[in-house]
């Protein structure tokens, strides 16, 4: 795998993150009234410690994702740990209501994240992340 090919996968991942935001804003109106009420009530509550921690993990994961573009040595473990931590945090988040398009984009993003971790650690792209001797 060349640097350009790997960067293409990473750019697609970042693009999918942007698309996820658009989908969340676009399709939230398609929920039935009962579920819309639940979602609105969730937004009106004060954020919990798990939500703050989850937001911090997402920010660090995005930083790791951007680092992957430049083959920064620290980006692989940061991105991999962030994906795992964000996945584990969903266990403590409580009930979540999403539309089918939102769920589809999120699942595709998770699959792509796993693919990127595999490429970064187990393909020929791994040599691009090694520290150069100075």
N, C-alpha and C. Protein backbone atom coordinates (compact mmCIF):
# COMPACT_ATOMS: atom_id res chain seq x y z
N UNK A 1 0.84 -1.17 0.00
CA UNK A 1 0.00 0.00 0.00
C UNK A 1 0.89 1.23 0.00
N UNK A 2 0.63 2.14 -0.89
CA UNK A 2 1.42 3.36 -0.99
C UNK A 2 0.91 4.39 0.02
N UNK A 3 1.72 5.42 0.20
CA UNK A 3 1.30 6.51 1.10
C UNK A 3 0.02 7.17 0.58
N UNK A 4 -0.05 7.35 -0.71
CA UNK A 4 -1.22 8.00 -1.31
C UNK A 4 -2.48 7.16 -1.08
N UNK A 5 -2.38 5.86 -1.25
CA UNK A 5 -3.54 5.00 -1.03
C UNK A 5 -3.98 5.04 0.43
N UNK A 6 -3.02 4.98 1.36
CA UNK A 6 -3.37 5.02 2.78
C UNK A 6 -4.01 6.37 3.12
N UNK A 7 -3.41 7.44 2.61
CA UNK A 7 -3.99 8.77 2.86
C UNK A 7 -5.41 8.87 2.29
N UNK A 8 -5.66 8.21 1.16
CA UNK A 8 -7.00 8.21 0.58
C UNK A 8 -8.01 7.58 1.52
N UNK A 9 -7.62 6.49 2.16
CA UNK A 9 -8.52 5.83 3.12
C UNK A 9 -8.77 6.74 4.32
N UNK A 10 -7.71 7.41 4.80
CA UNK A 10 -7.85 8.31 5.95
C UNK A 10 -8.74 9.50 5.59
N UNK A 11 -8.54 10.07 4.40
CA UNK A 11 -9.38 11.19 3.98
C UNK A 11 -10.84 10.75 3.87
N UNK A 12 -11.06 9.54 3.35
CA UNK A 12 -12.43 9.04 3.27
C UNK A 12 -13.03 8.90 4.67
N UNK A 13 -12.23 8.49 5.63
CA UNK A 13 -12.71 8.38 7.01
C UNK A 13 -13.11 9.74 7.56
N UNK A 14 -12.29 10.75 7.31
CA UNK A 14 -12.62 12.10 7.77
C UNK A 14 -13.85 12.64 7.05
N UNK A 15 -13.98 12.33 5.77
CA UNK A 15 -15.16 12.73 5.01
C UNK A 15 -16.41 12.06 5.57
N UNK A 16 -16.29 10.79 5.94
CA UNK A 16 -17.42 10.07 6.52
C UNK A 16 -17.83 10.68 7.85
N UNK A 17 -16.87 11.20 8.60
CA UNK A 17 -17.19 11.88 9.86
C UNK A 17 -18.02 13.13 9.58
N UNK A 18 -17.65 13.88 8.56
CA UNK A 18 -18.41 15.07 8.16
C UNK A 18 -19.81 14.67 7.69
N UNK A 19 -19.89 13.61 6.88
CA UNK A 19 -21.18 13.13 6.38
C UNK A 19 -22.07 12.70 7.55
N UNK A 20 -21.48 12.09 8.57
CA UNK A 20 -22.25 11.68 9.74
C UNK A 20 -22.91 12.89 10.40
N UNK A 21 -22.18 13.99 10.51
CA UNK A 21 -22.77 15.19 11.08
C UNK A 21 -23.92 15.72 10.26
N UNK A 22 -23.76 15.69 8.94
CA UNK A 22 -24.84 16.14 8.05
C UNK A 22 -26.05 15.23 8.18
N UNK A 23 -25.83 13.93 8.24
CA UNK A 23 -26.93 12.98 8.34
C UNK A 23 -27.68 13.16 9.66
N UNK A 24 -26.95 13.39 10.74
CA UNK A 24 -27.61 13.59 12.03
C UNK A 24 -28.50 14.82 11.99
N UNK A 25 -28.02 15.89 11.39
CA UNK A 25 -28.82 17.12 11.31
C UNK A 25 -29.98 16.99 10.32
N UNK A 26 -29.81 16.18 9.29
CA UNK A 26 -30.81 16.07 8.23
C UNK A 26 -31.95 15.13 8.59
N UNK A 27 -31.62 13.97 9.16
CA UNK A 27 -32.62 12.93 9.34
C UNK A 27 -33.23 12.88 10.73
N UNK A 28 -32.84 13.78 11.62
CA UNK A 28 -33.41 13.72 12.97
C UNK A 28 -34.90 14.05 12.98
N UNK A 29 -35.38 14.75 11.95
CA UNK A 29 -36.80 15.09 11.88
C UNK A 29 -37.67 13.92 11.45
N UNK A 30 -37.08 12.82 11.04
CA UNK A 30 -37.86 11.69 10.54
C UNK A 30 -38.27 10.72 11.65
N UNK A 31 -37.92 11.02 12.88
CA UNK A 31 -38.28 10.14 13.99
C UNK A 31 -39.76 10.29 14.34
N UNK A 32 -40.39 9.22 14.81
CA UNK A 32 -41.76 9.33 15.31
C UNK A 32 -41.80 10.29 16.51
N UNK A 33 -42.96 10.86 16.77
CA UNK A 33 -43.05 11.86 17.85
C UNK A 33 -42.55 11.37 19.21
N UNK A 34 -42.82 10.11 19.55
CA UNK A 34 -42.40 9.59 20.86
C UNK A 34 -40.88 9.58 20.96
N UNK A 35 -40.22 9.15 19.88
CA UNK A 35 -38.76 9.10 19.90
C UNK A 35 -38.15 10.49 19.81
N UNK A 36 -38.79 11.37 19.06
CA UNK A 36 -38.32 12.75 19.00
C UNK A 36 -38.36 13.41 20.37
N UNK A 37 -39.41 13.13 21.11
CA UNK A 37 -39.54 13.67 22.47
C UNK A 37 -38.41 13.16 23.35
N UNK A 38 -38.10 11.87 23.23
CA UNK A 38 -37.01 11.28 24.00
C UNK A 38 -35.68 11.94 23.66
N UNK A 39 -35.40 12.11 22.37
CA UNK A 39 -34.14 12.72 21.92
C UNK A 39 -34.04 14.16 22.42
N UNK A 40 -35.12 14.91 22.32
CA UNK A 40 -35.13 16.30 22.79
C UNK A 40 -34.89 16.37 24.29
N UNK A 41 -35.49 15.45 25.04
CA UNK A 41 -35.30 15.42 26.50
C UNK A 41 -33.85 15.11 26.83
N UNK A 42 -33.21 14.25 26.06
CA UNK A 42 -31.81 13.91 26.27
C UNK A 42 -30.91 15.13 26.07
N UNK A 43 -31.22 15.95 25.07
CA UNK A 43 -30.43 17.14 24.80
C UNK A 43 -30.59 18.21 25.86
N UNK A 44 -31.73 18.23 26.53
CA UNK A 44 -31.99 19.25 27.54
C UNK A 44 -31.34 18.91 28.88
N UNK A 45 -30.96 17.66 29.09
CA UNK A 45 -30.32 17.27 30.34
C UNK A 45 -28.87 17.76 30.36
N UNK A 46 -28.35 17.92 31.57
CA UNK A 46 -26.95 18.29 31.73
C UNK A 46 -26.07 17.13 31.27
N UNK A 47 -24.96 17.43 30.61
CA UNK A 47 -24.06 16.35 30.19
C UNK A 47 -23.48 15.61 31.39
N UNK A 48 -23.35 14.31 31.25
CA UNK A 48 -22.79 13.49 32.31
C UNK A 48 -21.28 13.39 32.15
N UNK A 49 -20.63 12.84 33.16
CA UNK A 49 -19.17 12.64 33.10
C UNK A 49 -18.81 11.71 31.95
N UNK A 50 -19.63 10.70 31.70
CA UNK A 50 -19.37 9.77 30.60
C UNK A 50 -19.43 10.50 29.27
N UNK A 51 -20.38 11.43 29.13
CA UNK A 51 -20.49 12.19 27.88
C UNK A 51 -19.30 13.12 27.69
N UNK A 52 -18.83 13.76 28.77
CA UNK A 52 -17.64 14.60 28.67
C UNK A 52 -16.42 13.77 28.31
N UNK A 53 -16.29 12.63 28.96
CA UNK A 53 -15.17 11.74 28.65
C UNK A 53 -15.26 11.24 27.22
N UNK A 54 -16.47 10.87 26.80
CA UNK A 54 -16.66 10.41 25.43
C UNK A 54 -16.31 11.47 24.41
N UNK A 55 -16.68 12.73 24.69
CA UNK A 55 -16.34 13.83 23.79
C UNK A 55 -14.82 14.00 23.71
N UNK A 56 -14.15 13.92 24.85
CA UNK A 56 -12.69 14.05 24.87
C UNK A 56 -12.04 12.93 24.06
N UNK A 57 -12.56 11.72 24.21
CA UNK A 57 -12.03 10.59 23.46
C UNK A 57 -12.23 10.80 21.96
N UNK A 58 -13.39 11.30 21.57
CA UNK A 58 -13.66 11.54 20.15
C UNK A 58 -12.70 12.60 19.60
N UNK A 59 -12.47 13.66 20.36
CA UNK A 59 -11.53 14.70 19.91
C UNK A 59 -10.13 14.13 19.74
N UNK A 60 -9.67 13.35 20.70
CA UNK A 60 -8.34 12.74 20.60
C UNK A 60 -8.28 11.76 19.43
N UNK A 61 -9.36 11.04 19.18
CA UNK A 61 -9.39 10.11 18.06
C UNK A 61 -9.31 10.85 16.73
N UNK A 62 -10.00 11.97 16.62
CA UNK A 62 -9.93 12.77 15.39
C UNK A 62 -8.51 13.33 15.22
N UNK A 63 -7.88 13.76 16.31
CA UNK A 63 -6.49 14.21 16.23
C UNK A 63 -5.59 13.07 15.76
N UNK A 64 -5.81 11.87 16.29
CA UNK A 64 -5.06 10.71 15.82
C UNK A 64 -5.32 10.41 14.36
N UNK A 65 -6.57 10.58 13.94
CA UNK A 65 -6.94 10.35 12.53
C UNK A 65 -6.20 11.33 11.63
N UNK A 66 -6.14 12.59 12.02
CA UNK A 66 -5.41 13.59 11.23
C UNK A 66 -3.92 13.27 11.25
N UNK A 67 -3.41 12.81 12.39
CA UNK A 67 -2.00 12.40 12.47
C UNK A 67 -1.67 11.27 11.52
N UNK A 68 -2.65 10.39 11.29
CA UNK A 68 -2.42 9.30 10.34
C UNK A 68 -2.14 9.83 8.94
N UNK A 69 -2.73 10.96 8.60
CA UNK A 69 -2.47 11.56 7.28
C UNK A 69 -0.99 11.88 7.08
N UNK A 70 -0.33 12.26 8.17
CA UNK A 70 1.07 12.68 8.10
C UNK A 70 2.02 11.59 8.59
N UNK A 71 1.50 10.41 8.87
CA UNK A 71 2.28 9.26 9.32
C UNK A 71 3.07 9.59 10.59
N UNK A 72 2.45 10.34 11.49
CA UNK A 72 3.06 10.66 12.77
C UNK A 72 3.17 9.38 13.60
N UNK A 73 4.29 9.19 14.26
CA UNK A 73 4.53 7.95 15.00
C UNK A 73 3.51 7.74 16.10
N UNK A 74 2.99 8.84 16.69
CA UNK A 74 2.06 8.76 17.80
C UNK A 74 0.61 8.53 17.36
N UNK A 75 0.34 8.69 16.07
CA UNK A 75 -1.05 8.66 15.62
C UNK A 75 -1.68 7.26 15.65
N UNK A 76 -0.89 6.24 15.36
CA UNK A 76 -1.47 4.89 15.36
C UNK A 76 -2.00 4.48 16.72
N UNK A 77 -1.17 4.54 17.78
CA UNK A 77 -1.72 4.13 19.09
C UNK A 77 -2.83 5.05 19.58
N UNK A 78 -2.73 6.36 19.30
CA UNK A 78 -3.78 7.28 19.73
C UNK A 78 -5.09 6.97 19.03
N UNK A 79 -5.04 6.75 17.72
CA UNK A 79 -6.26 6.45 16.97
C UNK A 79 -6.85 5.11 17.41
N UNK A 80 -6.01 4.08 17.52
CA UNK A 80 -6.51 2.75 17.91
C UNK A 80 -7.11 2.77 19.31
N UNK A 81 -6.43 3.41 20.25
CA UNK A 81 -6.94 3.48 21.62
C UNK A 81 -8.24 4.29 21.66
N UNK A 82 -8.31 5.34 20.86
CA UNK A 82 -9.52 6.16 20.82
C UNK A 82 -10.72 5.40 20.28
N UNK A 83 -10.51 4.62 19.24
CA UNK A 83 -11.61 3.83 18.66
C UNK A 83 -12.10 2.80 19.68
N UNK A 84 -11.16 2.14 20.34
CA UNK A 84 -11.55 1.15 21.34
C UNK A 84 -12.26 1.82 22.52
N UNK A 85 -11.71 2.94 23.00
CA UNK A 85 -12.33 3.63 24.14
C UNK A 85 -13.72 4.16 23.79
N UNK A 86 -13.88 4.69 22.59
CA UNK A 86 -15.20 5.19 22.18
C UNK A 86 -16.19 4.05 22.08
N UNK A 87 -15.74 2.91 21.61
CA UNK A 87 -16.63 1.75 21.51
C UNK A 87 -17.04 1.25 22.89
N UNK A 88 -16.09 1.20 23.82
CA UNK A 88 -16.38 0.75 25.17
C UNK A 88 -17.29 1.75 25.88
N UNK A 89 -17.11 3.04 25.61
CA UNK A 89 -17.93 4.07 26.28
C UNK A 89 -19.40 3.94 25.94
N UNK A 90 -19.73 3.36 24.79
CA UNK A 90 -21.14 3.22 24.42
C UNK A 90 -21.89 2.32 25.39
N UNK A 91 -21.18 1.42 26.06
CA UNK A 91 -21.81 0.54 27.04
C UNK A 91 -22.38 1.35 28.21
N UNK A 92 -21.71 2.45 28.55
CA UNK A 92 -22.10 3.25 29.71
C UNK A 92 -22.97 4.45 29.34
N UNK A 93 -23.28 4.61 28.08
CA UNK A 93 -23.99 5.80 27.61
C UNK A 93 -25.49 5.73 27.82
N UNK A 94 -26.04 4.57 27.98
CA UNK A 94 -27.48 4.43 28.15
C UNK A 94 -28.18 4.29 26.81
N UNK A 95 -29.50 4.38 26.83
CA UNK A 95 -30.25 4.19 25.59
C UNK A 95 -29.96 5.31 24.58
N UNK A 96 -29.92 4.92 23.31
CA UNK A 96 -29.64 5.86 22.23
C UNK A 96 -30.68 5.65 21.13
N UNK A 97 -31.18 6.74 20.59
CA UNK A 97 -32.14 6.67 19.49
C UNK A 97 -31.46 7.26 18.26
N UNK A 98 -31.41 6.48 17.19
CA UNK A 98 -30.85 6.96 15.93
C UNK A 98 -31.76 6.54 14.79
N UNK A 99 -31.69 7.29 13.72
CA UNK A 99 -32.42 6.90 12.52
C UNK A 99 -31.59 5.85 11.79
N UNK A 100 -32.21 5.17 10.84
CA UNK A 100 -31.49 4.14 10.08
C UNK A 100 -30.30 4.73 9.32
N UNK A 101 -30.44 5.89 8.66
CA UNK A 101 -29.26 6.45 7.97
C UNK A 101 -28.12 6.80 8.94
N UNK A 102 -28.46 7.30 10.12
CA UNK A 102 -27.42 7.59 11.12
C UNK A 102 -26.71 6.31 11.53
N UNK A 103 -27.47 5.27 11.82
CA UNK A 103 -26.88 4.00 12.23
C UNK A 103 -26.00 3.43 11.13
N UNK A 104 -26.45 3.54 9.88
CA UNK A 104 -25.66 3.04 8.75
C UNK A 104 -24.32 3.77 8.66
N UNK A 105 -24.34 5.10 8.74
CA UNK A 105 -23.10 5.87 8.64
C UNK A 105 -22.17 5.54 9.81
N UNK A 106 -22.72 5.44 11.01
CA UNK A 106 -21.88 5.13 12.17
C UNK A 106 -21.27 3.73 12.06
N UNK A 107 -22.03 2.76 11.60
CA UNK A 107 -21.50 1.40 11.44
C UNK A 107 -20.41 1.35 10.36
N UNK A 108 -20.65 2.06 9.26
CA UNK A 108 -19.65 2.11 8.19
C UNK A 108 -18.37 2.78 8.69
N UNK A 109 -18.54 3.82 9.51
CA UNK A 109 -17.38 4.49 10.09
C UNK A 109 -16.59 3.58 11.00
N UNK A 110 -17.28 2.79 11.79
CA UNK A 110 -16.61 1.86 12.69
C UNK A 110 -15.86 0.79 11.90
N UNK A 111 -16.48 0.28 10.85
CA UNK A 111 -15.79 -0.69 9.99
C UNK A 111 -14.55 -0.07 9.35
N UNK A 112 -14.68 1.15 8.89
CA UNK A 112 -13.55 1.83 8.26
C UNK A 112 -12.44 2.10 9.28
N UNK A 113 -12.81 2.44 10.50
CA UNK A 113 -11.81 2.64 11.54
C UNK A 113 -11.02 1.36 11.79
N UNK A 114 -11.71 0.24 11.88
CA UNK A 114 -11.02 -1.04 12.05
C UNK A 114 -10.11 -1.36 10.88
N UNK A 115 -10.58 -1.06 9.68
CA UNK A 115 -9.77 -1.27 8.49
C UNK A 115 -8.51 -0.42 8.53
N UNK A 116 -8.65 0.83 8.96
CA UNK A 116 -7.49 1.71 9.04
C UNK A 116 -6.49 1.24 10.10
N UNK A 117 -6.99 0.75 11.22
CA UNK A 117 -6.09 0.22 12.25
C UNK A 117 -5.34 -0.98 11.70
N UNK A 118 -6.06 -1.86 11.01
CA UNK A 118 -5.40 -3.03 10.42
C UNK A 118 -4.35 -2.61 9.40
N UNK A 119 -4.66 -1.66 8.56
CA UNK A 119 -3.69 -1.18 7.57
C UNK A 119 -2.48 -0.56 8.24
N UNK A 120 -2.72 0.25 9.27
CA UNK A 120 -1.63 0.97 9.93
C UNK A 120 -0.67 0.04 10.67
N UNK A 121 -1.19 -1.09 11.17
CA UNK A 121 -0.36 -2.00 11.95
C UNK A 121 0.08 -3.26 11.20
N UNK A 122 -0.71 -3.71 10.22
CA UNK A 122 -0.45 -5.02 9.64
C UNK A 122 -0.24 -5.03 8.14
N UNK A 123 -0.13 -3.87 7.51
CA UNK A 123 0.15 -3.83 6.08
C UNK A 123 1.53 -3.20 5.88
N UNK A 124 1.92 -3.12 4.63
CA UNK A 124 3.22 -2.49 4.35
C UNK A 124 3.23 -1.01 4.70
N UNK A 125 2.07 -0.42 4.99
CA UNK A 125 2.01 0.98 5.39
C UNK A 125 2.62 1.20 6.77
N UNK A 126 2.79 0.15 7.55
CA UNK A 126 3.31 0.32 8.91
C UNK A 126 4.71 0.92 8.93
N UNK A 127 5.49 0.71 7.89
CA UNK A 127 6.85 1.25 7.87
C UNK A 127 6.86 2.77 7.78
N UNK A 128 5.81 3.37 7.26
CA UNK A 128 5.74 4.82 7.15
C UNK A 128 5.62 5.49 8.50
N UNK A 129 5.23 4.74 9.53
CA UNK A 129 5.03 5.29 10.86
C UNK A 129 6.26 5.15 11.75
N UNK A 130 7.26 4.46 11.30
CA UNK A 130 8.44 4.24 12.11
C UNK A 130 9.24 5.53 12.22
N UNK A 131 9.79 5.75 13.40
CA UNK A 131 10.62 6.96 13.61
C UNK A 131 11.89 6.82 12.79
N UNK A 132 12.26 7.92 12.18
CA UNK A 132 13.49 7.93 11.39
C UNK A 132 14.65 8.26 12.31
N UNK A 133 15.78 7.58 12.10
CA UNK A 133 16.98 7.87 12.86
C UNK A 133 17.52 9.24 12.47
N UNK A 134 17.88 10.02 13.46
CA UNK A 134 18.39 11.37 13.15
C UNK A 134 19.86 11.47 13.42
